[in-house]
Amino acid sequence: DADGVLSVRDDGRGIPVDPHPKHP
């Protein structure tokens, strides 16, 4: 974009968002 911010998007599975078992 005009401010030099770079965006990368895919239509894949998406990074998991559920709580991580080893990092409460």
PDBML (XML) file of the C-alpha atoms, coordinates in Angstrom:
<?xml version="1.0" encoding="UTF-8" ?>
<PDBx:datablock datablockName="MODEL"
   xmlns:PDBx="http://pdbml.pdb.org/schema/pdbx-v50.xsd"
   xmlns:xsi="http://www.w3.org/2001/XMLSchema-instance"
   xsi:schemaLocation="http://pdbml.pdb.org/schema/pdbx-v50.xsd pdbx-v50.xsd">
   <PDBx:atom_siteCategory>
      <PDBx:atom_site id="1">
         <PDBx:B_iso_or_equiv>0.00</PDBx:B_iso_or_equiv>
         <PDBx:Cartn_x>0.000</PDBx:Cartn_x>
         <PDBx:Cartn_y>0.000</PDBx:Cartn_y>
         <PDBx:Cartn_z>0.000</PDBx:Cartn_z>
         <PDBx:auth_asym_id>A</PDBx:auth_asym_id>
         <PDBx:auth_atom_id>CA</PDBx:auth_atom_id>
         <PDBx:auth_comp_id>ASP</PDBx:auth_comp_id>
         <PDBx:auth_seq_id>1</PDBx:auth_seq_id>
         <PDBx:group_PDB>ATOM</PDBx:group_PDB>
         <PDBx:label_alt_id xsi:nil="true" />
         <PDBx:label_asym_id>A</PDBx:label_asym_id>
         <PDBx:label_atom_id>CA</PDBx:label_atom_id>
         <PDBx:label_comp_id>ASP</PDBx:label_comp_id>
         <PDBx:label_entity_id>1</PDBx:label_entity_id>
         <PDBx:label_seq_id>1</PDBx:label_seq_id>
         <PDBx:occupancy>1.00</PDBx:occupancy>
         <PDBx:pdbx_PDB_model_num>1</PDBx:pdbx_PDB_model_num>
         <PDBx:type_symbol>C</PDBx:type_symbol>
      </PDBx:atom_site>
      <PDBx:atom_site id="2">
         <PDBx:B_iso_or_equiv>0.00</PDBx:B_iso_or_equiv>
         <PDBx:Cartn_x>0.901</PDBx:Cartn_x>
         <PDBx:Cartn_y>3.682</PDBx:Cartn_y>
         <PDBx:Cartn_z>-0.166</PDBx:Cartn_z>
         <PDBx:auth_asym_id>A</PDBx:auth_asym_id>
         <PDBx:auth_atom_id>CA</PDBx:auth_atom_id>
         <PDBx:auth_comp_id>ALA</PDBx:auth_comp_id>
         <PDBx:auth_seq_id>2</PDBx:auth_seq_id>
         <PDBx:group_PDB>ATOM</PDBx:group_PDB>
         <PDBx:label_alt_id xsi:nil="true" />
         <PDBx:label_asym_id>A</PDBx:label_asym_id>
         <PDBx:label_atom_id>CA</PDBx:label_atom_id>
         <PDBx:label_comp_id>ALA</PDBx:label_comp_id>
         <PDBx:label_entity_id>1</PDBx:label_entity_id>
         <PDBx:label_seq_id>2</PDBx:label_seq_id>
         <PDBx:occupancy>1.00</PDBx:occupancy>
         <PDBx:pdbx_PDB_model_num>1</PDBx:pdbx_PDB_model_num>
         <PDBx:type_symbol>C</PDBx:type_symbol>
      </PDBx:atom_site>
      <PDBx:atom_site id="3">
         <PDBx:B_iso_or_equiv>0.00</PDBx:B_iso_or_equiv>
         <PDBx:Cartn_x>2.339</PDBx:Cartn_x>
         <PDBx:Cartn_y>3.628</PDBx:Cartn_y>
         <PDBx:Cartn_z>3.376</PDBx:Cartn_z>
         <PDBx:auth_asym_id>A</PDBx:auth_asym_id>
         <PDBx:auth_atom_id>CA</PDBx:auth_atom_id>
         <PDBx:auth_comp_id>ASP</PDBx:auth_comp_id>
         <PDBx:auth_seq_id>3</PDBx:auth_seq_id>
         <PDBx:group_PDB>ATOM</PDBx:group_PDB>
         <PDBx:label_alt_id xsi:nil="true" />
         <PDBx:label_asym_id>A</PDBx:label_asym_id>
         <PDBx:label_atom_id>CA</PDBx:label_atom_id>
         <PDBx:label_comp_id>ASP</PDBx:label_comp_id>
         <PDBx:label_entity_id>1</PDBx:label_entity_id>
         <PDBx:label_seq_id>3</PDBx:label_seq_id>
         <PDBx:occupancy>1.00</PDBx:occupancy>
         <PDBx:pdbx_PDB_model_num>1</PDBx:pdbx_PDB_model_num>
         <PDBx:type_symbol>C</PDBx:type_symbol>
      </PDBx:atom_site>
      <PDBx:atom_site id="4">
         <PDBx:B_iso_or_equiv>0.00</PDBx:B_iso_or_equiv>
         <PDBx:Cartn_x>4.743</PDBx:Cartn_x>
         <PDBx:Cartn_y>0.802</PDBx:Cartn_y>
         <PDBx:Cartn_z>2.554</PDBx:Cartn_z>
         <PDBx:auth_asym_id>A</PDBx:auth_asym_id>
         <PDBx:auth_atom_id>CA</PDBx:auth_atom_id>
         <PDBx:auth_comp_id>GLY</PDBx:auth_comp_id>
         <PDBx:auth_seq_id>4</PDBx:auth_seq_id>
         <PDBx:group_PDB>ATOM</PDBx:group_PDB>
         <PDBx:label_alt_id xsi:nil="true" />
         <PDBx:label_asym_id>A</PDBx:label_asym_id>
         <PDBx:label_atom_id>CA</PDBx:label_atom_id>
         <PDBx:label_comp_id>GLY</PDBx:label_comp_id>
         <PDBx:label_entity_id>1</PDBx:label_entity_id>
         <PDBx:label_seq_id>4</PDBx:label_seq_id>
         <PDBx:occupancy>1.00</PDBx:occupancy>
         <PDBx:pdbx_PDB_model_num>1</PDBx:pdbx_PDB_model_num>
         <PDBx:type_symbol>C</PDBx:type_symbol>
      </PDBx:atom_site>
      <PDBx:atom_site id="5">
         <PDBx:B_iso_or_equiv>0.00</PDBx:B_iso_or_equiv>
         <PDBx:Cartn_x>2.745</PDBx:Cartn_x>
         <PDBx:Cartn_y>-1.811</PDBx:Cartn_y>
         <PDBx:Cartn_z>4.460</PDBx:Cartn_z>
         <PDBx:auth_asym_id>A</PDBx:auth_asym_id>
         <PDBx:auth_atom_id>CA</PDBx:auth_atom_id>
         <PDBx:auth_comp_id>VAL</PDBx:auth_comp_id>
         <PDBx:auth_seq_id>5</PDBx:auth_seq_id>
         <PDBx:group_PDB>ATOM</PDBx:group_PDB>
         <PDBx:label_alt_id xsi:nil="true" />
         <PDBx:label_asym_id>A</PDBx:label_asym_id>
         <PDBx:label_atom_id>CA</PDBx:label_atom_id>
         <PDBx:label_comp_id>VAL</PDBx:label_comp_id>
         <PDBx:label_entity_id>1</PDBx:label_entity_id>
         <PDBx:label_seq_id>5</PDBx:label_seq_id>
         <PDBx:occupancy>1.00</PDBx:occupancy>
         <PDBx:pdbx_PDB_model_num>1</PDBx:pdbx_PDB_model_num>
         <PDBx:type_symbol>C</PDBx:type_symbol>
      </PDBx:atom_site>
      <PDBx:atom_site id="6">
         <PDBx:B_iso_or_equiv>0.00</PDBx:B_iso_or_equiv>
         <PDBx:Cartn_x>2.954</PDBx:Cartn_x>
         <PDBx:Cartn_y>-5.212</PDBx:Cartn_y>
         <PDBx:Cartn_z>2.764</PDBx:Cartn_z>
         <PDBx:auth_asym_id>A</PDBx:auth_asym_id>
         <PDBx:auth_atom_id>CA</PDBx:auth_atom_id>
         <PDBx:auth_comp_id>LEU</PDBx:auth_comp_id>
         <PDBx:auth_seq_id>6</PDBx:auth_seq_id>
         <PDBx:group_PDB>ATOM</PDBx:group_PDB>
         <PDBx:label_alt_id xsi:nil="true" />
         <PDBx:label_asym_id>A</PDBx:label_asym_id>
         <PDBx:label_atom_id>CA</PDBx:label_atom_id>
         <PDBx:label_comp_id>LEU</PDBx:label_comp_id>
         <PDBx:label_entity_id>1</PDBx:label_entity_id>
         <PDBx:label_seq_id>6</PDBx:label_seq_id>
         <PDBx:occupancy>1.00</PDBx:occupancy>
         <PDBx:pdbx_PDB_model_num>1</PDBx:pdbx_PDB_model_num>
         <PDBx:type_symbol>C</PDBx:type_symbol>
      </PDBx:atom_site>
      <PDBx:atom_site id="7">
         <PDBx:B_iso_or_equiv>0.00</PDBx:B_iso_or_equiv>
         <PDBx:Cartn_x>0.060</PDBx:Cartn_x>
         <PDBx:Cartn_y>-7.691</PDBx:Cartn_y>
         <PDBx:Cartn_z>2.893</PDBx:Cartn_z>
         <PDBx:auth_asym_id>A</PDBx:auth_asym_id>
         <PDBx:auth_atom_id>CA</PDBx:auth_atom_id>
         <PDBx:auth_comp_id>SER</PDBx:auth_comp_id>
         <PDBx:auth_seq_id>7</PDBx:auth_seq_id>
         <PDBx:group_PDB>ATOM</PDBx:group_PDB>
         <PDBx:label_alt_id xsi:nil="true" />
         <PDBx:label_asym_id>A</PDBx:label_asym_id>
         <PDBx:label_atom_id>CA</PDBx:label_atom_id>
         <PDBx:label_comp_id>SER</PDBx:label_comp_id>
         <PDBx:label_entity_id>1</PDBx:label_entity_id>
         <PDBx:label_seq_id>7</PDBx:label_seq_id>
         <PDBx:occupancy>1.00</PDBx:occupancy>
         <PDBx:pdbx_PDB_model_num>1</PDBx:pdbx_PDB_model_num>
         <PDBx:type_symbol>C</PDBx:type_symbol>
      </PDBx:atom_site>
      <PDBx:atom_site id="8">
         <PDBx:B_iso_or_equiv>0.00</PDBx:B_iso_or_equiv>
         <PDBx:Cartn_x>0.075</PDBx:Cartn_x>
         <PDBx:Cartn_y>-11.390</PDBx:Cartn_y>
         <PDBx:Cartn_z>2.012</PDBx:Cartn_z>
         <PDBx:auth_asym_id>A</PDBx:auth_asym_id>
         <PDBx:auth_atom_id>CA</PDBx:auth_atom_id>
         <PDBx:auth_comp_id>VAL</PDBx:auth_comp_id>
         <PDBx:auth_seq_id>8</PDBx:auth_seq_id>
         <PDBx:group_PDB>ATOM</PDBx:group_PDB>
         <PDBx:label_alt_id xsi:nil="true" />
         <PDBx:label_asym_id>A</PDBx:label_asym_id>
         <PDBx:label_atom_id>CA</PDBx:label_atom_id>
         <PDBx:label_comp_id>VAL</PDBx:label_comp_id>
         <PDBx:label_entity_id>1</PDBx:label_entity_id>
         <PDBx:label_seq_id>8</PDBx:label_seq_id>
         <PDBx:occupancy>1.00</PDBx:occupancy>
         <PDBx:pdbx_PDB_model_num>1</PDBx:pdbx_PDB_model_num>
         <PDBx:type_symbol>C</PDBx:type_symbol>
      </PDBx:atom_site>
      <PDBx:atom_site id="9">
         <PDBx:B_iso_or_equiv>0.00</PDBx:B_iso_or_equiv>
         <PDBx:Cartn_x>-3.193</PDBx:Cartn_x>
         <PDBx:Cartn_y>-13.337</PDBx:Cartn_y>
         <PDBx:Cartn_z>2.057</PDBx:Cartn_z>
         <PDBx:auth_asym_id>A</PDBx:auth_asym_id>
         <PDBx:auth_atom_id>CA</PDBx:auth_atom_id>
         <PDBx:auth_comp_id>ARG</PDBx:auth_comp_id>
         <PDBx:auth_seq_id>9</PDBx:auth_seq_id>
         <PDBx:group_PDB>ATOM</PDBx:group_PDB>
         <PDBx:label_alt_id xsi:nil="true" />
         <PDBx:label_asym_id>A</PDBx:label_asym_id>
         <PDBx:label_atom_id>CA</PDBx:label_atom_id>
         <PDBx:label_comp_id>ARG</PDBx:label_comp_id>
         <PDBx:label_entity_id>1</PDBx:label_entity_id>
         <PDBx:label_seq_id>9</PDBx:label_seq_id>
         <PDBx:occupancy>1.00</PDBx:occupancy>
         <PDBx:pdbx_PDB_model_num>1</PDBx:pdbx_PDB_model_num>
         <PDBx:type_symbol>C</PDBx:type_symbol>
      </PDBx:atom_site>
      <PDBx:atom_site id="10">
         <PDBx:B_iso_or_equiv>0.00</PDBx:B_iso_or_equiv>
         <PDBx:Cartn_x>-4.041</PDBx:Cartn_x>
         <PDBx:Cartn_y>-16.942</PDBx:Cartn_y>
         <PDBx:Cartn_z>1.203</PDBx:Cartn_z>
         <PDBx:auth_asym_id>A</PDBx:auth_asym_id>
         <PDBx:auth_atom_id>CA</PDBx:auth_atom_id>
         <PDBx:auth_comp_id>ASP</PDBx:auth_comp_id>
         <PDBx:auth_seq_id>10</PDBx:auth_seq_id>
         <PDBx:group_PDB>ATOM</PDBx:group_PDB>
         <PDBx:label_alt_id xsi:nil="true" />
         <PDBx:label_asym_id>A</PDBx:label_asym_id>
         <PDBx:label_atom_id>CA</PDBx:label_atom_id>
         <PDBx:label_comp_id>ASP</PDBx:label_comp_id>
         <PDBx:label_entity_id>1</PDBx:label_entity_id>
         <PDBx:label_seq_id>10</PDBx:label_seq_id>
         <PDBx:occupancy>1.00</PDBx:occupancy>
         <PDBx:pdbx_PDB_model_num>1</PDBx:pdbx_PDB_model_num>
         <PDBx:type_symbol>C</PDBx:type_symbol>
      </PDBx:atom_site>
      <PDBx:atom_site id="11">
         <PDBx:B_iso_or_equiv>0.00</PDBx:B_iso_or_equiv>
         <PDBx:Cartn_x>-7.276</PDBx:Cartn_x>
         <PDBx:Cartn_y>-18.927</PDBx:Cartn_y>
         <PDBx:Cartn_z>1.142</PDBx:Cartn_z>
         <PDBx:auth_asym_id>A</PDBx:auth_asym_id>
         <PDBx:auth_atom_id>CA</PDBx:auth_atom_id>
         <PDBx:auth_comp_id>ASP</PDBx:auth_comp_id>
         <PDBx:auth_seq_id>11</PDBx:auth_seq_id>
         <PDBx:group_PDB>ATOM</PDBx:group_PDB>
         <PDBx:label_alt_id xsi:nil="true" />
         <PDBx:label_asym_id>A</PDBx:label_asym_id>
         <PDBx:label_atom_id>CA</PDBx:label_atom_id>
         <PDBx:label_comp_id>ASP</PDBx:label_comp_id>
         <PDBx:label_entity_id>1</PDBx:label_entity_id>
         <PDBx:label_seq_id>11</PDBx:label_seq_id>
         <PDBx:occupancy>1.00</PDBx:occupancy>
         <PDBx:pdbx_PDB_model_num>1</PDBx:pdbx_PDB_model_num>
         <PDBx:type_symbol>C</PDBx:type_symbol>
      </PDBx:atom_site>
      <PDBx:atom_site id="12">
         <PDBx:B_iso_or_equiv>0.00</PDBx:B_iso_or_equiv>
         <PDBx:Cartn_x>-5.826</PDBx:Cartn_x>
         <PDBx:Cartn_y>-21.878</PDBx:Cartn_y>
         <PDBx:Cartn_z>3.034</PDBx:Cartn_z>
         <PDBx:auth_asym_id>A</PDBx:auth_asym_id>
         <PDBx:auth_atom_id>CA</PDBx:auth_atom_id>
         <PDBx:auth_comp_id>GLY</PDBx:auth_comp_id>
         <PDBx:auth_seq_id>12</PDBx:auth_seq_id>
         <PDBx:group_PDB>ATOM</PDBx:group_PDB>
         <PDBx:label_alt_id xsi:nil="true" />
         <PDBx:label_asym_id>A</PDBx:label_asym_id>
         <PDBx:label_atom_id>CA</PDBx:label_atom_id>
         <PDBx:label_comp_id>GLY</PDBx:label_comp_id>
         <PDBx:label_entity_id>1</PDBx:label_entity_id>
         <PDBx:label_seq_id>12</PDBx:label_seq_id>
         <PDBx:occupancy>1.00</PDBx:occupancy>
         <PDBx:pdbx_PDB_model_num>1</PDBx:pdbx_PDB_model_num>
         <PDBx:type_symbol>C</PDBx:type_symbol>
      </PDBx:atom_site>
      <PDBx:atom_site id="13">
         <PDBx:B_iso_or_equiv>0.00</PDBx:B_iso_or_equiv>
         <PDBx:Cartn_x>-6.792</PDBx:Cartn_x>
         <PDBx:Cartn_y>-23.426</PDBx:Cartn_y>
         <PDBx:Cartn_z>6.339</PDBx:Cartn_z>
         <PDBx:auth_asym_id>A</PDBx:auth_asym_id>
         <PDBx:auth_atom_id>CA</PDBx:auth_atom_id>
         <PDBx:auth_comp_id>ARG</PDBx:auth_comp_id>
         <PDBx:auth_seq_id>13</PDBx:auth_seq_id>
         <PDBx:group_PDB>ATOM</PDBx:group_PDB>
         <PDBx:label_alt_id xsi:nil="true" />
         <PDBx:label_asym_id>A</PDBx:label_asym_id>
         <PDBx:label_atom_id>CA</PDBx:label_atom_id>
         <PDBx:label_comp_id>ARG</PDBx:label_comp_id>
         <PDBx:label_entity_id>1</PDBx:label_entity_id>
         <PDBx:label_seq_id>13</PDBx:label_seq_id>
         <PDBx:occupancy>1.00</PDBx:occupancy>
         <PDBx:pdbx_PDB_model_num>1</PDBx:pdbx_PDB_model_num>
         <PDBx:type_symbol>C</PDBx:type_symbol>
      </PDBx:atom_site>
      <PDBx:atom_site id="14">
         <PDBx:B_iso_or_equiv>0.00</PDBx:B_iso_or_equiv>
         <PDBx:Cartn_x>-5.891</PDBx:Cartn_x>
         <PDBx:Cartn_y>-20.410</PDBx:Cartn_y>
         <PDBx:Cartn_z>8.476</PDBx:Cartn_z>
         <PDBx:auth_asym_id>A</PDBx:auth_asym_id>
         <PDBx:auth_atom_id>CA</PDBx:auth_atom_id>
         <PDBx:auth_comp_id>GLY</PDBx:auth_comp_id>
         <PDBx:auth_seq_id>14</PDBx:auth_seq_id>
         <PDBx:group_PDB>ATOM</PDBx:group_PDB>
         <PDBx:label_alt_id xsi:nil="true" />
         <PDBx:label_asym_id>A</PDBx:label_asym_id>
         <PDBx:label_atom_id>CA</PDBx:label_atom_id>
         <PDBx:label_comp_id>GLY</PDBx:label_comp_id>
         <PDBx:label_entity_id>1</PDBx:label_entity_id>
         <PDBx:label_seq_id>14</PDBx:label_seq_id>
         <PDBx:occupancy>1.00</PDBx:occupancy>
         <PDBx:pdbx_PDB_model_num>1</PDBx:pdbx_PDB_model_num>
         <PDBx:type_symbol>C</PDBx:type_symbol>
      </PDBx:atom_site>
      <PDBx:atom_site id="15">
         <PDBx:B_iso_or_equiv>0.00</PDBx:B_iso_or_equiv>
         <PDBx:Cartn_x>-3.469</PDBx:Cartn_x>
         <PDBx:Cartn_y>-20.412</PDBx:Cartn_y>
         <PDBx:Cartn_z>11.415</PDBx:Cartn_z>
         <PDBx:auth_asym_id>A</PDBx:auth_asym_id>
         <PDBx:auth_atom_id>CA</PDBx:auth_atom_id>
         <PDBx:auth_comp_id>ILE</PDBx:auth_comp_id>
         <PDBx:auth_seq_id>15</PDBx:auth_seq_id>
         <PDBx:group_PDB>ATOM</PDBx:group_PDB>
         <PDBx:label_alt_id xsi:nil="true" />
         <PDBx:label_asym_id>A</PDBx:label_asym_id>
         <PDBx:label_atom_id>CA</PDBx:label_atom_id>
         <PDBx:label_comp_id>ILE</PDBx:label_comp_id>
         <PDBx:label_entity_id>1</PDBx:label_entity_id>
         <PDBx:label_seq_id>15</PDBx:label_seq_id>
         <PDBx:occupancy>1.00</PDBx:occupancy>
         <PDBx:pdbx_PDB_model_num>1</PDBx:pdbx_PDB_model_num>
         <PDBx:type_symbol>C</PDBx:type_symbol>
      </PDBx:atom_site>
      <PDBx:atom_site id="16">
         <PDBx:B_iso_or_equiv>0.00</PDBx:B_iso_or_equiv>
         <PDBx:Cartn_x>-5.034</PDBx:Cartn_x>
         <PDBx:Cartn_y>-22.287</PDBx:Cartn_y>
         <PDBx:Cartn_z>14.371</PDBx:Cartn_z>
         <PDBx:auth_asym_id>A</PDBx:auth_asym_id>
         <PDBx:auth_atom_id>CA</PDBx:auth_atom_id>
         <PDBx:auth_comp_id>PRO</PDBx:auth_comp_id>
         <PDBx:auth_seq_id>16</PDBx:auth_seq_id>
         <PDBx:group_PDB>ATOM</PDBx:group_PDB>
         <PDBx:label_alt_id xsi:nil="true" />
         <PDBx:label_asym_id>A</PDBx:label_asym_id>
         <PDBx:label_atom_id>CA</PDBx:label_atom_id>
         <PDBx:label_comp_id>PRO</PDBx:label_comp_id>
         <PDBx:label_entity_id>1</PDBx:label_entity_id>
         <PDBx:label_seq_id>16</PDBx:label_seq_id>
         <PDBx:occupancy>1.00</PDBx:occupancy>
         <PDBx:pdbx_PDB_model_num>1</PDBx:pdbx_PDB_model_num>
         <PDBx:type_symbol>C</PDBx:type_symbol>
      </PDBx:atom_site>
      <PDBx:atom_site id="17">
         <PDBx:B_iso_or_equiv>0.00</PDBx:B_iso_or_equiv>
         <PDBx:Cartn_x>-6.534</PDBx:Cartn_x>
         <PDBx:Cartn_y>-19.947</PDBx:Cartn_y>
         <PDBx:Cartn_z>16.986</PDBx:Cartn_z>
         <PDBx:auth_asym_id>A</PDBx:auth_asym_id>
         <PDBx:auth_atom_id>CA</PDBx:auth_atom_id>
         <PDBx:auth_comp_id>VAL</PDBx:auth_comp_id>
         <PDBx:auth_seq_id>17</PDBx:auth_seq_id>
         <PDBx:group_PDB>ATOM</PDBx:group_PDB>
         <PDBx:label_alt_id xsi:nil="true" />
         <PDBx:label_asym_id>A</PDBx:label_asym_id>
         <PDBx:label_atom_id>CA</PDBx:label_atom_id>
         <PDBx:label_comp_id>VAL</PDBx:label_comp_id>
         <PDBx:label_entity_id>1</PDBx:label_entity_id>
         <PDBx:label_seq_id>17</PDBx:label_seq_id>
         <PDBx:occupancy>1.00</PDBx:occupancy>
         <PDBx:pdbx_PDB_model_num>1</PDBx:pdbx_PDB_model_num>
         <PDBx:type_symbol>C</PDBx:type_symbol>
      </PDBx:atom_site>
      <PDBx:atom_site id="18">
         <PDBx:B_iso_or_equiv>0.00</PDBx:B_iso_or_equiv>
         <PDBx:Cartn_x>-7.514</PDBx:Cartn_x>
         <PDBx:Cartn_y>-22.350</PDBx:Cartn_y>
         <PDBx:Cartn_z>19.760</PDBx:Cartn_z>
         <PDBx:auth_asym_id>A</PDBx:auth_asym_id>
         <PDBx:auth_atom_id>CA</PDBx:auth_atom_id>
         <PDBx:auth_comp_id>ASP</PDBx:auth_comp_id>
         <PDBx:auth_seq_id>18</PDBx:auth_seq_id>
         <PDBx:group_PDB>ATOM</PDBx:group_PDB>
         <PDBx:label_alt_id xsi:nil="true" />
         <PDBx:label_asym_id>A</PDBx:label_asym_id>
         <PDBx:label_atom_id>CA</PDBx:label_atom_id>
         <PDBx:label_comp_id>ASP</PDBx:label_comp_id>
         <PDBx:label_entity_id>1</PDBx:label_entity_id>
         <PDBx:label_seq_id>18</PDBx:label_seq_id>
         <PDBx:occupancy>1.00</PDBx:occupancy>
         <PDBx:pdbx_PDB_model_num>1</PDBx:pdbx_PDB_model_num>
         <PDBx:type_symbol>C</PDBx:type_symbol>
      </PDBx:atom_site>
      <PDBx:atom_site id="19">
         <PDBx:B_iso_or_equiv>0.00</PDBx:B_iso_or_equiv>
         <PDBx:Cartn_x>-5.594</PDBx:Cartn_x>
         <PDBx:Cartn_y>-22.285</PDBx:Cartn_y>
         <PDBx:Cartn_z>23.084</PDBx:Cartn_z>
         <PDBx:auth_asym_id>A</PDBx:auth_asym_id>
         <PDBx:auth_atom_id>CA</PDBx:auth_atom_id>
         <PDBx:auth_comp_id>PRO</PDBx:auth_comp_id>
         <PDBx:auth_seq_id>19</PDBx:auth_seq_id>
         <PDBx:group_PDB>ATOM</PDBx:group_PDB>
         <PDBx:label_alt_id xsi:nil="true" />
         <PDBx:label_asym_id>A</PDBx:label_asym_id>
         <PDBx:label_atom_id>CA</PDBx:label_atom_id>
         <PDBx:label_comp_id>PRO</PDBx:label_comp_id>
         <PDBx:label_entity_id>1</PDBx:label_entity_id>
         <PDBx:label_seq_id>19</PDBx:label_seq_id>
         <PDBx:occupancy>1.00</PDBx:occupancy>
         <PDBx:pdbx_PDB_model_num>1</PDBx:pdbx_PDB_model_num>
         <PDBx:type_symbol>C</PDBx:type_symbol>
      </PDBx:atom_site>
      <PDBx:atom_site id="20">
         <PDBx:B_iso_or_equiv>0.00</PDBx:B_iso_or_equiv>
         <PDBx:Cartn_x>-2.174</PDBx:Cartn_x>
         <PDBx:Cartn_y>-23.871</PDBx:Cartn_y>
         <PDBx:Cartn_z>22.917</PDBx:Cartn_z>
         <PDBx:auth_asym_id>A</PDBx:auth_asym_id>
         <PDBx:auth_atom_id>CA</PDBx:auth_atom_id>
         <PDBx:auth_comp_id>HIS</PDBx:auth_comp_id>
         <PDBx:auth_seq_id>20</PDBx:auth_seq_id>
         <PDBx:group_PDB>ATOM</PDBx:group_PDB>
         <PDBx:label_alt_id xsi:nil="true" />
         <PDBx:label_asym_id>A</PDBx:label_asym_id>
         <PDBx:label_atom_id>CA</PDBx:label_atom_id>
         <PDBx:label_comp_id>HIS</PDBx:label_comp_id>
         <PDBx:label_entity_id>1</PDBx:label_entity_id>
         <PDBx:label_seq_id>20</PDBx:label_seq_id>
         <PDBx:occupancy>1.00</PDBx:occupancy>
         <PDBx:pdbx_PDB_model_num>1</PDBx:pdbx_PDB_model_num>
         <PDBx:type_symbol>C</PDBx:type_symbol>
      </PDBx:atom_site>
      <PDBx:atom_site id="21">
         <PDBx:B_iso_or_equiv>0.00</PDBx:B_iso_or_equiv>
         <PDBx:Cartn_x>-1.815</PDBx:Cartn_x>
         <PDBx:Cartn_y>-26.839</PDBx:Cartn_y>
         <PDBx:Cartn_z>25.320</PDBx:Cartn_z>
         <PDBx:auth_asym_id>A</PDBx:auth_asym_id>
         <PDBx:auth_atom_id>CA</PDBx:auth_atom_id>
         <PDBx:auth_comp_id>PRO</PDBx:auth_comp_id>
         <PDBx:auth_seq_id>21</PDBx:auth_seq_id>
         <PDBx:group_PDB>ATOM</PDBx:group_PDB>
         <PDBx:label_alt_id xsi:nil="true" />
         <PDBx:label_asym_id>A</PDBx:label_asym_id>
         <PDBx:label_atom_id>CA</PDBx:label_atom_id>
         <PDBx:label_comp_id>PRO</PDBx:label_comp_id>
         <PDBx:label_entity_id>1</PDBx:label_entity_id>
         <PDBx:label_seq_id>21</PDBx:label_seq_id>
         <PDBx:occupancy>1.00</PDBx:occupancy>
         <PDBx:pdbx_PDB_model_num>1</PDBx:pdbx_PDB_model_num>
         <PDBx:type_symbol>C</PDBx:type_symbol>
      </PDBx:atom_site>
      <PDBx:atom_site id="22">
         <PDBx:B_iso_or_equiv>0.00</PDBx:B_iso_or_equiv>
         <PDBx:Cartn_x>1.762</PDBx:Cartn_x>
         <PDBx:Cartn_y>-25.979</PDBx:Cartn_y>
         <PDBx:Cartn_z>26.336</PDBx:Cartn_z>
         <PDBx:auth_asym_id>A</PDBx:auth_asym_id>
         <PDBx:auth_atom_id>CA</PDBx:auth_atom_id>
         <PDBx:auth_comp_id>LYS</PDBx:auth_comp_id>
         <PDBx:auth_seq_id>22</PDBx:auth_seq_id>
         <PDBx:group_PDB>ATOM</PDBx:group_PDB>
         <PDBx:label_alt_id xsi:nil="true" />
         <PDBx:label_asym_id>A</PDBx:label_asym_id>
         <PDBx:label_atom_id>CA</PDBx:label_atom_id>
         <PDBx:label_comp_id>LYS</PDBx:label_comp_id>
         <PDBx:label_entity_id>1</PDBx:label_entity_id>
         <PDBx:label_seq_id>22</PDBx:label_seq_id>
         <PDBx:occupancy>1.00</PDBx:occupancy>
         <PDBx:pdbx_PDB_model_num>1</PDBx:pdbx_PDB_model_num>
         <PDBx:type_symbol>C</PDBx:type_symbol>
      </PDBx:atom_site>
      <PDBx:atom_site id="23">
         <PDBx:B_iso_or_equiv>0.00</PDBx:B_iso_or_equiv>
         <PDBx:Cartn_x>1.216</PDBx:Cartn_x>
         <PDBx:Cartn_y>-22.224</PDBx:Cartn_y>
         <PDBx:Cartn_z>26.705</PDBx:Cartn_z>
         <PDBx:auth_asym_id>A</PDBx:auth_asym_id>
         <PDBx:auth_atom_id>CA</PDBx:auth_atom_id>
         <PDBx:auth_comp_id>HIS</PDBx:auth_comp_id>
         <PDBx:auth_seq_id>23</PDBx:auth_seq_id>
         <PDBx:group_PDB>ATOM</PDBx:group_PDB>
         <PDBx:label_alt_id xsi:nil="true" />
         <PDBx:label_asym_id>A</PDBx:label_asym_id>
         <PDBx:label_atom_id>CA</PDBx:label_atom_id>
         <PDBx:label_comp_id>HIS</PDBx:label_comp_id>
         <PDBx:label_entity_id>1</PDBx:label_entity_id>
         <PDBx:label_seq_id>23</PDBx:label_seq_id>
         <PDBx:occupancy>1.00</PDBx:occupancy>
         <PDBx:pdbx_PDB_model_num>1</PDBx:pdbx_PDB_model_num>
         <PDBx:type_symbol>C</PDBx:type_symbol>
      </PDBx:atom_site>
      <PDBx:atom_site id="24">
         <PDBx:B_iso_or_equiv>0.00</PDBx:B_iso_or_equiv>
         <PDBx:Cartn_x>-1.765</PDBx:Cartn_x>
         <PDBx:Cartn_y>-21.573</PDBx:Cartn_y>
         <PDBx:Cartn_z>28.999</PDBx:Cartn_z>
         <PDBx:auth_asym_id>A</PDBx:auth_asym_id>
         <PDBx:auth_atom_id>CA</PDBx:auth_atom_id>
         <PDBx:auth_comp_id>PRO</PDBx:auth_comp_id>
         <PDBx:auth_seq_id>24</PDBx:auth_seq_id>
         <PDBx:group_PDB>ATOM</PDBx:group_PDB>
         <PDBx:label_alt_id xsi:nil="true" />
         <PDBx:label_asym_id>A</PDBx:label_asym_id>
         <PDBx:label_atom_id>CA</PDBx:label_atom_id>
         <PDBx:label_comp_id>PRO</PDBx:label_comp_id>
         <PDBx:label_entity_id>1</PDBx:label_entity_id>
         <PDBx:label_seq_id>24</PDBx:label_seq_id>
         <PDBx:occupancy>1.00</PDBx:occupancy>
         <PDBx:pdbx_PDB_model_num>1</PDBx:pdbx_PDB_model_num>
         <PDBx:type_symbol>C</PDBx:type_symbol>
      </PDBx:atom_site>
   </PDBx:atom_siteCategory>
</PDBx:datablock>
